[in-house]
Amino acid sequence: MKTAVCPDCGSDVNVGSQPRVGKQVVCDSCGAELEVVWLDPIELDYPMMDFDDYEELSEDER
């Protein structure tokens, strides 16, 4: 299994044996929902929010 570093807590996150850009993963240490954004080296970031998700947020969350 391959791993990448969680941008939230710095822990190693399992991304499977054949990660692909766009794959969604969750950090076991902090629970952050992440997305594979680069493959060489494997890099994780927070998923992009689409417009429908943004509209559902309250004013405080925006």
Protein backbone atom coordinates (compact mmCIF):
# COMPACT_ATOMS: atom_id res chain seq x y z
CA MET A 1 0.00 0.00 0.00
CA LYS A 2 1.15 3.52 -0.79
CA THR A 3 0.85 6.42 1.60
CA ALA A 4 0.84 10.21 1.51
CA VAL A 5 1.08 12.86 4.21
CA CYS A 6 -2.12 14.35 5.63
CA PRO A 7 -2.01 18.15 5.17
CA ASP A 8 -4.05 18.56 8.36
CA CYS A 9 -2.14 16.50 10.95
CA GLY A 10 0.99 15.23 9.17
CA SER A 11 0.16 11.53 9.58
CA ASP A 12 0.63 8.96 6.83
CA VAL A 13 -2.60 8.21 4.96
CA ASN A 14 -3.12 4.97 3.05
CA VAL A 15 -4.06 5.74 -0.58
CA GLY A 16 -4.18 2.13 -1.84
CA SER A 17 -1.85 0.27 -4.14
CA GLN A 18 -2.82 2.19 -7.30
CA PRO A 19 -3.84 5.73 -6.34
CA ARG A 20 -5.32 8.03 -8.98
CA VAL A 21 -5.91 11.76 -9.09
CA GLY A 22 -9.33 12.51 -7.64
CA LYS A 23 -9.45 9.49 -5.33
CA GLN A 24 -11.10 10.38 -2.02
CA VAL A 25 -9.49 9.14 1.21
CA VAL A 26 -9.96 9.78 4.94
CA CYS A 27 -7.11 10.28 7.39
CA ASP A 28 -7.40 7.66 10.15
CA SER A 29 -5.65 9.96 12.63
CA CYS A 30 -7.69 13.16 12.36
CA GLY A 31 -10.66 12.23 10.17
CA ALA A 32 -9.89 14.79 7.45
CA GLU A 33 -11.59 14.06 4.12
CA LEU A 34 -8.89 14.36 1.46
CA GLU A 35 -8.33 13.91 -2.25
CA VAL A 36 -5.29 12.74 -4.22
CA VAL A 37 -4.19 15.80 -6.24
CA TRP A 38 -0.77 14.68 -7.50
CA LEU A 39 0.87 11.30 -8.13
CA ASP A 40 4.64 11.81 -8.21
CA PRO A 41 5.10 12.29 -5.32
CA ILE A 42 1.63 11.43 -4.05
CA GLU A 43 0.06 14.56 -2.62
CA LEU A 44 -3.21 15.04 -0.76
CA ASP A 45 -5.33 18.15 -0.37
CA TYR A 46 -8.84 19.04 0.68
CA PRO A 47 -11.43 18.22 -2.02
CA MET A 48 -12.75 21.07 -4.12
CA MET A 49 -16.28 22.06 -3.15
CA ASP A 50 -18.78 22.28 -5.99
CA PHE A 51 -21.38 25.04 -6.23
CA ASP A 52 -24.24 22.90 -4.83
CA ASP A 53 -22.21 22.11 -1.70
CA TYR A 54 -21.38 25.80 -1.26
CA GLU A 55 -25.04 26.83 -1.40
CA GLU A 56 -25.88 24.39 1.42
CA LEU A 57 -23.40 26.02 3.83
CA SER A 58 -24.66 28.56 6.34
CA GLU A 59 -23.27 32.09 6.25
CA ASP A 60 -20.96 31.24 9.17
CA GLU A 61 -19.46 28.24 7.34
CA ARG A 62 -18.71 30.22 4.18
